[in-house]
Amino acid sequence: MRLFAEIDSSITLAFLERYPTPAAARGLGEQRLGGFLARHGYSGRRTPAESLERLKDAPRGTAGEAEVEARGTVVLALVATLGPLVEQIRLLTSEIAGAVRAHPDGEIFLSLFRDPKSVVCAATLLAELGDCRGRYPSSAALAADGGVSAVAVESGRRRVATFRRACDPRLRAALSTLADATRHHHPWARRLYRDARARGHDHPRATRTVGRAWTRVLWRMWQDGVPYDPARHGSLCRQLATEG
């Protein structure tokens, strides 16, 4: 059970540094926890009382005192190691975000995501597609290079669709991330994913189905030079949901 949303967030690392073992956190009260959260600028959705209740409801370990002490030492070592790494990741992500927003096509790719942290995926899509529109003359070409469309294999009278291995792996990873992120909040992407799973497809294949649909929308946006707009691209999205 997590007390905070992300294990590598600054508030999580600060908490583990101050309370590396369950015994260290045992004396926490609502006021004391509230003061700690306030000092570290925590602005999460939970109140100190809710966080404290979550902490008390967490499973209790059965390790002995010596083991608990050793584990606490390991936790402090990990926090000391992760702190600088997390800070460098934050700085690099900030630089990437600035570069994407400054790029003429940046808003096209940023418009696909809700979470600001998805800027790295948006930057990957931008970098892999580039700005030469002639590179992908059709959405099918983009889907093929992105590894989200199947390959037809024929043997005699038998013709089957198989996983496409020859592709741009970075583009495929970015399209898969886009598909997996948007299936949670885009109605048509959610429907495509749900229908694919209902047909017996596993998660990776269902995600590729959504990613392949996104290539049609993305290709149109990229060719027109306009960000994603449900009003502008709504008809295409409804068509994709129906075809799925």
Protein backbone atom coordinates (compact mmCIF):
# COMPACT_ATOMS: atom_id res chain seq x y z
CA MET A 1 0.00 0.00 0.00
CA ARG A 2 1.51 3.32 -1.05
CA LEU A 3 1.34 6.38 1.13
CA PHE A 4 2.15 8.64 -1.83
CA ALA A 5 1.32 8.27 -5.49
CA GLU A 6 4.87 7.87 -6.81
CA ILE A 7 7.67 5.93 -5.20
CA ASP A 8 10.36 8.24 -6.62
CA SER A 9 8.68 11.56 -5.82
CA SER A 10 10.47 14.10 -3.64
CA ILE A 11 7.88 13.74 -0.86
CA THR A 12 8.30 9.94 -0.81
CA LEU A 13 12.10 10.20 -0.62
CA ALA A 14 11.85 12.82 2.12
CA PHE A 15 9.47 10.63 4.11
CA LEU A 16 11.69 7.56 3.78
CA GLU A 17 14.74 9.57 4.81
CA ARG A 18 12.96 10.75 7.96
CA TYR A 19 11.13 7.48 8.66
CA PRO A 20 13.14 4.62 7.11
CA THR A 21 11.45 1.89 9.17
CA PRO A 22 7.93 1.19 10.47
CA ALA A 23 9.24 1.70 14.00
CA ALA A 24 10.47 5.18 13.10
CA ALA A 25 6.99 6.13 11.87
CA ARG A 26 5.12 4.46 14.70
CA GLY A 27 4.86 7.62 16.80
CA LEU A 28 3.44 9.76 14.02
CA GLY A 29 0.26 11.63 14.83
CA GLU A 30 -1.99 13.71 12.62
CA GLN A 31 -0.47 17.05 13.69
CA ARG A 32 3.10 15.83 13.36
CA LEU A 33 2.46 14.30 9.93
CA GLY A 34 0.66 17.47 8.84
CA GLY A 35 3.68 19.55 9.85
CA PHE A 36 6.03 17.26 7.93
CA LEU A 37 3.88 17.46 4.77
CA ALA A 38 3.62 21.24 5.07
CA ARG A 39 7.38 21.67 5.46
CA HIS A 40 7.94 19.72 2.25
CA GLY A 41 5.25 21.55 0.29
CA TYR A 42 3.07 18.46 -0.19
CA SER A 43 -0.13 19.29 -2.06
CA GLY A 44 -1.59 15.83 -2.56
CA ARG A 45 -5.24 14.94 -2.53
CA ARG A 46 -5.19 13.30 0.90
CA THR A 47 -5.43 15.13 4.20
CA PRO A 48 -2.94 14.32 6.98
CA ALA A 49 -5.68 12.31 8.71
CA GLU A 50 -6.31 10.24 5.58
CA SER A 51 -2.61 9.68 5.03
CA LEU A 52 -2.14 8.61 8.64
CA GLU A 53 -5.04 6.17 8.38
CA ARG A 54 -3.54 4.72 5.22
CA LEU A 55 -0.21 4.33 6.98
CA LYS A 56 -1.80 2.56 9.95
CA ASP A 57 -3.74 0.20 7.66
CA ALA A 58 -0.58 -0.94 5.85
CA PRO A 59 0.44 -4.60 6.36
CA ARG A 60 2.79 -5.14 9.29
CA GLY A 61 6.04 -7.02 8.82
CA THR A 62 7.31 -9.86 10.97
CA ALA A 63 11.04 -9.14 10.74
CA GLY A 64 13.12 -9.07 13.90
CA GLU A 65 14.71 -5.96 15.36
CA ALA A 66 18.14 -6.61 13.80
CA GLU A 67 16.63 -7.18 10.35
CA VAL A 68 14.47 -4.07 10.61
CA GLU A 69 17.52 -2.01 11.51
CA ALA A 70 19.45 -3.45 8.55
CA ARG A 71 16.57 -2.76 6.19
CA GLY A 72 16.39 0.80 7.47
CA THR A 73 20.08 1.27 6.63
CA VAL A 74 19.43 -0.04 3.11
CA VAL A 75 16.46 2.34 2.71
CA LEU A 76 18.62 5.32 3.69
CA ALA A 77 21.30 4.24 1.22
CA LEU A 78 18.75 3.93 -1.57
CA VAL A 79 17.29 7.35 -0.77
CA ALA A 80 20.76 8.89 -0.88
CA THR A 81 21.33 7.28 -4.27
CA LEU A 82 17.93 8.06 -5.77
CA GLY A 83 17.76 11.69 -4.66
CA PRO A 84 20.38 13.05 -7.12
CA LEU A 85 19.10 10.78 -9.91
CA VAL A 86 15.53 11.96 -9.49
CA GLU A 87 16.69 15.58 -9.51
CA GLN A 88 18.67 15.04 -12.72
CA ILE A 89 15.68 13.35 -14.34
CA ARG A 90 13.55 16.34 -13.35
CA LEU A 91 16.03 18.78 -14.87
CA LEU A 92 16.36 16.78 -18.09
CA THR A 93 12.59 16.44 -18.38
CA SER A 94 12.27 20.20 -17.95
CA GLU A 95 14.80 20.77 -20.74
CA ILE A 96 12.97 18.32 -22.99
CA ALA A 97 9.67 20.07 -22.28
CA GLY A 98 11.17 23.43 -23.19
CA ALA A 99 12.60 22.07 -26.45
CA VAL A 100 9.31 20.43 -27.45
CA ARG A 101 7.27 23.57 -26.72
CA ALA A 102 9.72 25.66 -28.74
CA HIS A 103 9.50 23.35 -31.77
CA PRO A 104 7.03 24.39 -34.51
CA ASP A 105 5.36 20.96 -34.34
CA GLY A 106 5.61 20.62 -30.57
CA GLU A 107 2.01 21.46 -29.77
CA ILE A 108 0.79 18.82 -32.23
CA PHE A 109 2.29 16.05 -30.11
CA LEU A 110 1.76 17.64 -26.71
CA SER A 111 -1.96 17.92 -27.43
CA LEU A 112 -2.29 14.13 -27.40
CA PHE A 113 -1.58 13.83 -23.67
CA ARG A 114 -3.20 15.04 -20.49
CA ASP A 115 -0.39 14.35 -18.04
CA PRO A 116 2.40 16.94 -18.26
CA LYS A 117 4.87 14.15 -17.46
CA SER A 118 4.06 12.59 -20.83
CA VAL A 119 6.24 15.25 -22.44
CA VAL A 120 9.00 12.65 -22.92
CA CYS A 121 6.67 10.47 -25.00
CA ALA A 122 5.53 13.51 -26.98
CA ALA A 123 9.18 14.40 -27.58
CA THR A 124 9.90 10.85 -28.75
CA LEU A 125 7.05 10.96 -31.26
CA LEU A 126 8.26 14.32 -32.51
CA ALA A 127 11.84 13.10 -32.85
CA GLU A 128 10.93 9.86 -34.62
CA LEU A 129 8.48 11.42 -37.10
CA GLY A 130 10.65 14.45 -37.78
CA ASP A 131 9.38 17.31 -39.94
CA CYS A 132 9.69 15.78 -43.41
CA ARG A 133 6.05 15.09 -44.28
CA GLY A 134 7.04 13.09 -47.33
CA ARG A 135 8.72 10.48 -45.14
CA TYR A 136 5.33 8.93 -44.39
CA PRO A 137 3.09 9.37 -47.44
CA SER A 138 0.20 7.64 -45.68
CA SER A 139 -0.96 6.67 -42.21
CA ALA A 140 -0.41 3.03 -43.20
CA ALA A 141 3.29 3.77 -43.76
CA LEU A 142 3.47 5.38 -40.31
CA ALA A 143 1.70 2.41 -38.71
CA ALA A 144 4.10 0.00 -40.39
CA ASP A 145 7.23 1.86 -39.33
CA GLY A 146 5.75 2.18 -35.85
CA GLY A 147 5.26 -1.58 -35.62
CA VAL A 148 1.56 -1.36 -34.77
CA SER A 149 0.24 -2.95 -37.96
CA ALA A 150 0.51 -6.68 -38.58
CA VAL A 151 2.46 -8.39 -41.37
CA ALA A 152 0.65 -10.75 -43.73
CA VAL A 153 2.45 -14.08 -44.10
CA GLU A 154 1.36 -16.47 -46.85
CA SER A 155 2.11 -20.15 -47.11
CA GLY A 156 0.29 -21.94 -49.88
CA ARG A 157 -3.39 -21.12 -49.45
CA ARG A 158 -2.90 -20.03 -45.86
CA ARG A 159 -2.59 -16.33 -45.09
CA VAL A 160 -2.15 -15.09 -41.52
CA ALA A 161 -1.32 -11.80 -39.79
CA THR A 162 1.77 -11.89 -37.60
CA PHE A 163 3.67 -9.53 -35.32
CA ARG A 164 5.73 -6.94 -37.19
CA ARG A 165 9.36 -7.11 -36.09
CA ALA A 166 10.97 -4.86 -38.70
CA CYS A 167 10.11 -1.37 -37.47
CA ASP A 168 11.37 1.65 -35.57
CA PRO A 169 11.42 0.31 -31.96
CA ARG A 170 11.44 3.79 -30.38
CA LEU A 171 8.42 4.83 -32.42
CA ARG A 172 6.61 1.62 -31.52
CA ALA A 173 7.32 2.18 -27.83
CA ALA A 174 6.01 5.76 -28.05
CA LEU A 175 2.85 4.71 -29.90
CA SER A 176 2.26 1.97 -27.33
CA THR A 177 2.65 4.51 -24.52
CA LEU A 178 0.23 6.86 -26.27
CA ALA A 179 -2.29 4.06 -26.73
CA ASP A 180 -2.01 2.83 -23.16
CA ALA A 181 -2.34 6.35 -21.73
CA THR A 182 -5.31 7.41 -23.83
CA ARG A 183 -7.36 4.24 -23.39
CA HIS A 184 -8.12 5.48 -19.88
CA HIS A 185 -9.71 8.80 -20.88
CA HIS A 186 -10.47 8.83 -24.63
CA PRO A 187 -13.89 7.15 -25.14
CA TRP A 188 -13.08 5.83 -28.61
CA ALA A 189 -9.65 4.54 -27.55
CA ARG A 190 -11.22 2.88 -24.50
CA ARG A 191 -13.79 1.19 -26.71
CA LEU A 192 -11.17 -0.05 -29.18
CA TYR A 193 -9.11 -1.50 -26.35
CA ARG A 194 -12.09 -3.09 -24.62
CA ASP A 195 -13.35 -4.67 -27.85
CA ALA A 196 -9.89 -6.02 -28.66
CA ARG A 197 -9.64 -7.65 -25.23
CA ALA A 198 -13.14 -9.08 -25.68
CA ARG A 199 -11.91 -10.75 -28.89
CA GLY A 200 -9.29 -12.55 -26.82
CA HIS A 201 -6.32 -10.30 -27.52
CA ASP A 202 -3.77 -9.84 -24.74
CA HIS A 203 -2.83 -6.39 -23.46
CA PRO A 204 0.14 -5.78 -25.84
CA ARG A 205 -1.90 -6.71 -28.90
CA ALA A 206 -4.91 -4.69 -27.79
CA THR A 207 -2.60 -1.74 -27.19
CA ARG A 208 -1.19 -2.08 -30.71
CA THR A 209 -4.75 -2.01 -32.04
CA VAL A 210 -5.32 1.33 -30.33
CA GLY A 211 -1.89 2.54 -31.44
CA ARG A 212 -2.67 1.67 -35.05
CA ALA A 213 -5.87 3.71 -34.84
CA TRP A 214 -3.94 6.61 -33.35
CA THR A 215 -1.53 6.61 -36.30
CA ARG A 216 -4.40 7.67 -38.56
CA VAL A 217 -5.29 10.58 -36.31
CA LEU A 218 -1.66 11.48 -35.67
CA TRP A 219 -0.76 11.34 -39.37
CA ARG A 220 -3.66 13.68 -40.20
CA MET A 221 -2.63 16.12 -37.47
CA TRP A 222 1.00 16.00 -38.57
CA GLN A 223 0.16 16.56 -42.23
CA ASP A 224 -2.19 19.45 -41.46
CA GLY A 225 0.07 20.95 -38.80
CA VAL A 226 -2.72 21.24 -36.23
CA PRO A 227 -2.97 19.96 -32.61
CA TYR A 228 -5.51 17.33 -31.60
CA ASP A 229 -9.01 18.75 -31.44
CA PRO A 230 -12.00 16.47 -30.68
CA ALA A 231 -14.25 18.80 -32.67
CA ARG A 232 -11.96 18.70 -35.71
CA HIS A 233 -10.97 15.04 -35.52
CA GLY A 234 -14.20 13.73 -34.00
CA SER A 235 -15.54 12.17 -37.18
CA LEU A 236 -12.35 10.22 -37.75
CA CYS A 237 -12.28 9.05 -34.14
CA ARG A 238 -15.90 7.84 -34.34
CA GLN A 239 -15.09 6.03 -37.57
CA LEU A 240 -12.08 4.35 -35.98
CA ALA A 241 -14.16 3.24 -32.99
CA THR A 242 -16.73 1.72 -35.33
CA GLU A 243 -14.10 -0.05 -37.44
CA GLY A 244 -12.41 -1.44 -34.34
